[in-house]
Structures are given as C-alpha cells and as structure tokens.
Amino acid sequence: MGTHTYTGKCPRCFNENLLISEETREPIFSCECLDCGFVRFTTDDRMSLEELNEIRRENDLDILKELPEWKQGVD
C-alpha cells in the first residue's frame, strides 16, 4: 500500500500544521495537528441491520432480512 502525505488546515485551530495521510489502495485516512493536538483516524465498524435497511430504502434497494456475512479481504 502506498501512502500519500500532505499538510492542510486544522478544522479546530485553523492553523496550517495538520499532517494528513491517505492510503492509496484502501479508504484509510488519518490526520494530526501539530499545533492543537487534534487527531482523526478512520475506523472499521458495521451498521446495524436497521441502519443498513433505512439507507437501502432511501436508495430504492430491497430490504435485507439479515446482515450478509463479511468476506475475508485479499491482499
């Protein structure tokens, strides 16, 4: 996996010392502010069946009776 790193403006202190890292093969994002200490990291989680079905309804997709099994990722 490659990492793209750059700087930006912190959403909390508005200074330009926010170090931002993004992975090129997965939707992974992190940032750390060197001025105020703000951090943000992506995390893996899963919606409940109810949450998923609400979004599916809003997008005109069929309702699920159960959450599908997660498949193991391939490197």
C-alpha atoms as a PDB file:
ATOM      1  CA  MET A   1       0.000   0.000   0.000  1.00  0.00           C
ATOM      2  CA  GLY A   2       1.238   3.472  -0.819  1.00  0.00           C
ATOM      3  CA  THR A   3       0.707   6.429   1.446  1.00  0.00           C
ATOM      4  CA  HIS A   4       0.102   9.977   0.261  1.00  0.00           C
ATOM      5  CA  THR A   5       1.024  12.577   2.913  1.00  0.00           C
ATOM      6  CA  TYR A   6       0.406  16.322   2.795  1.00  0.00           C
ATOM      7  CA  THR A   7      -0.404  19.246   5.088  1.00  0.00           C
ATOM      8  CA  GLY A   8      -3.619  21.185   5.489  1.00  0.00           C
ATOM      9  CA  LYS A   9      -5.625  23.471   7.743  1.00  0.00           C
ATOM     10  CA  CYS A  10      -6.820  22.101  11.085  1.00  0.00           C
ATOM     11  CA  PRO A  11     -10.631  22.149  11.486  1.00  0.00           C
ATOM     12  CA  ARG A  12     -10.238  23.065  15.192  1.00  0.00           C
ATOM     13  CA  CYS A  13      -7.459  25.684  15.496  1.00  0.00           C
ATOM     14  CA  PHE A  14      -7.363  26.687  11.790  1.00  0.00           C
ATOM     15  CA  ASN A  15      -3.548  26.610  11.659  1.00  0.00           C
ATOM     16  CA  GLU A  16      -1.763  25.044   8.680  1.00  0.00           C
ATOM     17  CA  ASN A  17       0.127  22.359  10.647  1.00  0.00           C
ATOM     18  CA  LEU A  18      -2.283  19.471  10.037  1.00  0.00           C
ATOM     19  CA  LEU A  19      -0.397  16.389   8.788  1.00  0.00           C
ATOM     20  CA  ILE A  20      -2.720  14.308   6.604  1.00  0.00           C
ATOM     21  CA  SER A  21      -2.062  10.721   5.433  1.00  0.00           C
ATOM     22  CA  GLU A  22      -4.167   8.704   2.987  1.00  0.00           C
ATOM     23  CA  GLU A  23      -3.637   5.157   1.770  1.00  0.00           C
ATOM     24  CA  THR A  24      -3.820   4.643  -1.980  1.00  0.00           C
ATOM     25  CA  ARG A  25      -5.335   1.122  -2.009  1.00  0.00           C
ATOM     26  CA  GLU A  26      -7.838   1.378   0.871  1.00  0.00           C
ATOM     27  CA  PRO A  27     -10.063   4.161   2.209  1.00  0.00           C
ATOM     28  CA  ILE A  28      -7.814   4.831   5.203  1.00  0.00           C
ATOM     29  CA  PHE A  29      -7.312   8.386   6.390  1.00  0.00           C
ATOM     30  CA  SER A  30      -5.565   9.952   9.368  1.00  0.00           C
ATOM     31  CA  CYS A  31      -4.511  13.420  10.418  1.00  0.00           C
ATOM     32  CA  GLU A  32      -2.740  15.007  13.366  1.00  0.00           C
ATOM     33  CA  CYS A  33      -2.484  18.716  14.165  1.00  0.00           C
ATOM     34  CA  LEU A  34       0.975  19.709  15.357  1.00  0.00           C
ATOM     35  CA  ASP A  35      -0.434  22.883  16.954  1.00  0.00           C
ATOM     36  CA  CYS A  36      -3.511  21.911  18.999  1.00  0.00           C
ATOM     37  CA  GLY A  37      -3.262  18.087  19.120  1.00  0.00           C
ATOM     38  CA  PHE A  38      -6.442  17.336  17.124  1.00  0.00           C
ATOM     39  CA  VAL A  39      -6.434  13.790  15.655  1.00  0.00           C
ATOM     40  CA  ARG A  40      -8.790  11.918  13.320  1.00  0.00           C
ATOM     41  CA  PHE A  41      -8.492   8.309  12.148  1.00  0.00           C
ATOM     42  CA  THR A  42     -10.774   6.125  10.069  1.00  0.00           C
ATOM     43  CA  THR A  43     -12.080   3.064  11.864  1.00  0.00           C
ATOM     44  CA  ASP A  44     -13.865  -0.048  10.678  1.00  0.00           C
ATOM     45  CA  ASP A  45     -17.360  -0.566  12.021  1.00  0.00           C
ATOM     46  CA  ARG A  46     -20.618  -2.032  10.828  1.00  0.00           C
ATOM     47  CA  MET A  47     -24.126  -0.654  10.594  1.00  0.00           C
ATOM     48  CA  SER A  48     -26.950  -2.499  12.288  1.00  0.00           C
ATOM     49  CA  LEU A  49     -29.461  -4.276  10.060  1.00  0.00           C
ATOM     50  CA  GLU A  50     -31.949  -1.488  10.805  1.00  0.00           C
ATOM     51  CA  GLU A  51     -29.496   1.264   9.846  1.00  0.00           C
ATOM     52  CA  LEU A  52     -28.495  -0.535   6.662  1.00  0.00           C
ATOM     53  CA  ASN A  53     -32.108  -1.137   5.641  1.00  0.00           C
ATOM     54  CA  GLU A  54     -33.013   2.519   6.230  1.00  0.00           C
ATOM     55  CA  ILE A  55     -30.283   3.594   3.809  1.00  0.00           C
ATOM     56  CA  ARG A  56     -31.292   0.852   1.370  1.00  0.00           C
ATOM     57  CA  ARG A  57     -34.918   2.118   1.477  1.00  0.00           C
ATOM     58  CA  GLU A  58     -33.728   5.670   0.753  1.00  0.00           C
ATOM     59  CA  ASN A  59     -31.856   4.337  -2.290  1.00  0.00           C
ATOM     60  CA  ASP A  60     -34.710   2.134  -3.590  1.00  0.00           C
ATOM     61  CA  LEU A  61     -32.921  -1.146  -2.802  1.00  0.00           C
ATOM     62  CA  ASP A  62     -34.515  -4.324  -1.482  1.00  0.00           C
ATOM     63  CA  ILE A  63     -34.688  -4.724   2.294  1.00  0.00           C
ATOM     64  CA  LEU A  64     -32.419  -7.378   3.835  1.00  0.00           C
ATOM     65  CA  LYS A  65     -33.644  -9.942   6.366  1.00  0.00           C
ATOM     66  CA  GLU A  66     -30.179 -10.354   7.882  1.00  0.00           C
ATOM     67  CA  LEU A  67     -26.747  -8.841   7.546  1.00  0.00           C
ATOM     68  CA  PRO A  68     -24.647 -10.617   4.935  1.00  0.00           C
ATOM     69  CA  GLU A  69     -21.516 -12.389   6.075  1.00  0.00           C
ATOM     70  CA  TRP A  70     -18.352 -10.353   5.629  1.00  0.00           C
ATOM     71  CA  LYS A  71     -15.846 -11.838   3.230  1.00  0.00           C
ATOM     72  CA  GLN A  72     -12.164 -12.019   4.123  1.00  0.00           C
ATOM     73  CA  GLY A  73     -10.140  -9.406   2.255  1.00  0.00           C
ATOM     74  CA  VAL A  74      -7.456 -10.426  -0.210  1.00  0.00           C
ATOM     75  CA  ASP A  75      -4.058  -8.729  -0.226  1.00  0.00           C
END
